[in-house]
């Protein structure tokens, strides 16, 4: 990625991340009412773990070196 585009890409990444939070908060109440709050909590934990492990599965993420 070109160095001059890094700030713009980071901005779009942050926007997508922050926009997903209120959408998830709006969606969780009707879903919990339909299937039960325990099922929603378990499904959320499984999805969170899968996304975290999925990111770590990429060699480029696992092999990141600290910058100084």
N, C-alpha and C. Protein backbone atom coordinates (compact mmCIF):
# COMPACT_ATOMS: atom_id res chain seq x y z
N UNK A 1 0.85 -1.16 0.00
CA UNK A 1 0.00 0.00 0.00
C UNK A 1 0.90 1.23 0.00
N UNK A 2 0.58 2.19 -0.83
CA UNK A 2 1.40 3.41 -0.87
C UNK A 2 1.33 4.16 0.47
N UNK A 3 2.45 4.67 0.89
CA UNK A 3 2.53 5.36 2.18
C UNK A 3 1.55 6.53 2.25
N UNK A 4 1.36 7.25 1.12
CA UNK A 4 0.48 8.42 1.14
C UNK A 4 -1.00 8.03 1.27
N UNK A 5 -1.34 6.78 1.04
CA UNK A 5 -2.74 6.33 1.16
C UNK A 5 -3.04 5.69 2.51
N UNK A 6 -2.04 5.51 3.34
CA UNK A 6 -2.22 4.79 4.60
C UNK A 6 -3.23 5.47 5.52
N UNK A 7 -3.17 6.77 5.64
CA UNK A 7 -4.10 7.50 6.51
C UNK A 7 -5.54 7.34 6.04
N UNK A 8 -5.75 7.43 4.73
CA UNK A 8 -7.10 7.31 4.20
C UNK A 8 -7.65 5.90 4.41
N UNK A 9 -6.83 4.89 4.21
CA UNK A 9 -7.26 3.51 4.41
C UNK A 9 -7.57 3.28 5.89
N UNK A 10 -6.76 3.81 6.79
CA UNK A 10 -7.02 3.67 8.22
C UNK A 10 -8.32 4.36 8.61
N UNK A 11 -8.62 5.49 7.98
CA UNK A 11 -9.87 6.19 8.26
C UNK A 11 -11.07 5.36 7.85
N UNK A 12 -11.02 4.79 6.66
CA UNK A 12 -12.13 3.94 6.21
C UNK A 12 -12.27 2.70 7.08
N UNK A 13 -11.16 2.15 7.52
CA UNK A 13 -11.20 0.99 8.40
C UNK A 13 -11.87 1.34 9.72
N UNK A 14 -11.50 2.48 10.29
CA UNK A 14 -12.12 2.91 11.55
C UNK A 14 -13.60 3.19 11.38
N UNK A 15 -13.97 3.83 10.29
CA UNK A 15 -15.39 4.13 10.04
C UNK A 15 -16.20 2.84 9.99
N UNK A 16 -15.70 1.85 9.26
CA UNK A 16 -16.41 0.57 9.18
C UNK A 16 -16.52 -0.12 10.53
N UNK A 17 -15.46 -0.03 11.31
CA UNK A 17 -15.47 -0.67 12.63
C UNK A 17 -16.45 0.01 13.57
N UNK A 18 -16.44 1.34 13.59
CA UNK A 18 -17.31 2.06 14.50
C UNK A 18 -18.77 2.03 14.04
N UNK A 19 -19.02 1.94 12.76
CA UNK A 19 -20.40 1.88 12.26
C UNK A 19 -21.05 0.55 12.59
N UNK A 20 -20.26 -0.50 12.71
CA UNK A 20 -20.81 -1.82 12.99
C UNK A 20 -21.33 -1.94 14.42
N UNK A 21 -20.78 -1.18 15.35
CA UNK A 21 -21.19 -1.30 16.76
C UNK A 21 -22.66 -0.94 16.97
N UNK A 22 -23.13 0.24 16.55
CA UNK A 22 -24.55 0.53 16.78
C UNK A 22 -25.48 -0.38 15.99
N UNK A 23 -25.06 -0.83 14.83
CA UNK A 23 -25.90 -1.77 14.07
C UNK A 23 -26.04 -3.08 14.82
N UNK A 24 -24.98 -3.55 15.41
CA UNK A 24 -25.04 -4.77 16.21
C UNK A 24 -25.89 -4.60 17.46
N UNK A 25 -25.79 -3.43 18.08
CA UNK A 25 -26.60 -3.16 19.27
C UNK A 25 -28.09 -3.11 18.93
N UNK A 26 -28.42 -2.57 17.77
CA UNK A 26 -29.82 -2.54 17.35
C UNK A 26 -30.34 -3.93 17.01
N UNK A 27 -29.49 -4.76 16.46
CA UNK A 27 -29.92 -6.08 16.01
C UNK A 27 -30.04 -7.09 17.15
N UNK A 28 -29.28 -6.92 18.21
CA UNK A 28 -29.21 -7.96 19.23
C UNK A 28 -30.51 -8.11 20.02
N UNK A 29 -31.24 -7.05 20.25
CA UNK A 29 -32.47 -7.16 21.05
C UNK A 29 -33.53 -8.03 20.39
N UNK A 30 -33.88 -7.79 19.11
CA UNK A 30 -34.88 -8.68 18.51
C UNK A 30 -34.37 -10.12 18.33
N UNK A 31 -33.09 -10.26 18.10
CA UNK A 31 -32.55 -11.62 17.95
C UNK A 31 -32.62 -12.35 19.29
N UNK A 32 -32.25 -11.66 20.38
CA UNK A 32 -32.31 -12.28 21.71
C UNK A 32 -33.74 -12.61 22.09
N UNK A 33 -34.69 -11.76 21.70
CA UNK A 33 -36.10 -12.04 22.00
C UNK A 33 -36.57 -13.27 21.24
N UNK A 34 -36.04 -13.48 20.05
CA UNK A 34 -36.48 -14.61 19.23
C UNK A 34 -35.84 -15.93 19.65
N UNK A 35 -34.56 -15.92 19.98
CA UNK A 35 -33.87 -17.19 20.24
C UNK A 35 -33.37 -17.34 21.67
N UNK A 36 -33.42 -16.29 22.46
CA UNK A 36 -32.96 -16.36 23.84
C UNK A 36 -31.59 -15.71 24.01
N UNK A 37 -31.42 -15.04 25.13
CA UNK A 37 -30.19 -14.29 25.35
C UNK A 37 -28.97 -15.20 25.53
N UNK A 38 -29.16 -16.37 26.11
CA UNK A 38 -28.02 -17.29 26.28
C UNK A 38 -27.50 -17.74 24.92
N UNK A 39 -28.39 -18.03 23.99
CA UNK A 39 -27.96 -18.45 22.66
C UNK A 39 -27.23 -17.32 21.93
N UNK A 40 -27.71 -16.11 22.11
CA UNK A 40 -27.06 -14.96 21.47
C UNK A 40 -25.66 -14.76 22.06
N UNK A 41 -25.53 -14.88 23.37
CA UNK A 41 -24.23 -14.72 24.02
C UNK A 41 -23.25 -15.80 23.56
N UNK A 42 -23.70 -17.03 23.46
CA UNK A 42 -22.83 -18.12 23.02
C UNK A 42 -22.44 -17.93 21.55
N UNK A 43 -23.40 -17.56 20.72
CA UNK A 43 -23.10 -17.33 19.30
C UNK A 43 -22.13 -16.16 19.14
N UNK A 44 -22.30 -15.12 19.94
CA UNK A 44 -21.38 -13.98 19.89
C UNK A 44 -19.97 -14.37 20.28
N UNK A 45 -19.85 -15.18 21.32
CA UNK A 45 -18.53 -15.65 21.75
C UNK A 45 -17.86 -16.50 20.68
N UNK A 46 -18.64 -17.36 20.05
CA UNK A 46 -18.09 -18.21 18.99
C UNK A 46 -17.65 -17.37 17.80
N UNK A 47 -18.48 -16.40 17.41
CA UNK A 47 -18.11 -15.53 16.29
C UNK A 47 -16.86 -14.71 16.60
N UNK A 48 -16.77 -14.18 17.82
CA UNK A 48 -15.60 -13.39 18.22
C UNK A 48 -14.35 -14.26 18.16
N UNK A 49 -14.42 -15.47 18.70
CA UNK A 49 -13.26 -16.36 18.68
C UNK A 49 -12.88 -16.73 17.26
N UNK A 50 -13.87 -17.00 16.41
CA UNK A 50 -13.59 -17.37 15.02
C UNK A 50 -12.92 -16.22 14.28
N UNK A 51 -13.39 -15.01 14.49
CA UNK A 51 -12.77 -13.86 13.81
C UNK A 51 -11.36 -13.62 14.31
N UNK A 52 -11.14 -13.76 15.60
CA UNK A 52 -9.80 -13.56 16.15
C UNK A 52 -8.83 -14.62 15.64
N UNK A 53 -9.27 -15.87 15.67
CA UNK A 53 -8.41 -16.95 15.18
C UNK A 53 -8.23 -16.87 13.67
N UNK A 54 -9.26 -16.40 12.97
CA UNK A 54 -9.14 -16.23 11.52
C UNK A 54 -8.08 -15.21 11.16
N UNK A 55 -8.03 -14.12 11.92
CA UNK A 55 -6.99 -13.12 11.66
C UNK A 55 -5.62 -13.68 11.97
N UNK A 56 -5.50 -14.45 13.03
CA UNK A 56 -4.21 -15.03 13.38
C UNK A 56 -3.79 -16.15 12.42
N UNK A 57 -4.73 -16.67 11.65
CA UNK A 57 -4.40 -17.73 10.69
C UNK A 57 -3.60 -17.18 9.52
N UNK A 58 -3.67 -15.90 9.27
CA UNK A 58 -2.93 -15.30 8.16
C UNK A 58 -1.46 -15.18 8.55
N UNK A 59 -0.56 -15.76 7.76
CA UNK A 59 0.87 -15.68 8.10
C UNK A 59 1.38 -14.24 8.18
N UNK A 60 0.81 -13.35 7.38
CA UNK A 60 1.28 -11.97 7.42
C UNK A 60 0.94 -11.30 8.75
N UNK A 61 -0.11 -11.75 9.42
CA UNK A 61 -0.46 -11.21 10.74
C UNK A 61 0.38 -11.88 11.81
N UNK A 62 0.52 -13.19 11.74
CA UNK A 62 1.31 -13.92 12.73
C UNK A 62 2.76 -13.47 12.75
N UNK A 63 3.30 -13.12 11.59
CA UNK A 63 4.72 -12.79 11.49
C UNK A 63 5.02 -11.31 11.55
N UNK A 64 4.07 -10.52 12.02
CA UNK A 64 4.31 -9.08 12.13
C UNK A 64 5.47 -8.81 13.08
N UNK A 65 6.32 -7.90 12.68
CA UNK A 65 7.46 -7.50 13.51
C UNK A 65 7.15 -6.12 14.09
N UNK A 66 7.57 -5.91 15.33
CA UNK A 66 7.33 -4.57 15.92
C UNK A 66 8.12 -3.50 15.19
N UNK A 67 7.52 -2.33 15.09
CA UNK A 67 8.24 -1.21 14.48
C UNK A 67 8.85 -0.37 15.58
N UNK A 68 9.92 0.29 15.23
CA UNK A 68 10.61 1.12 16.24
C UNK A 68 10.57 2.55 15.82
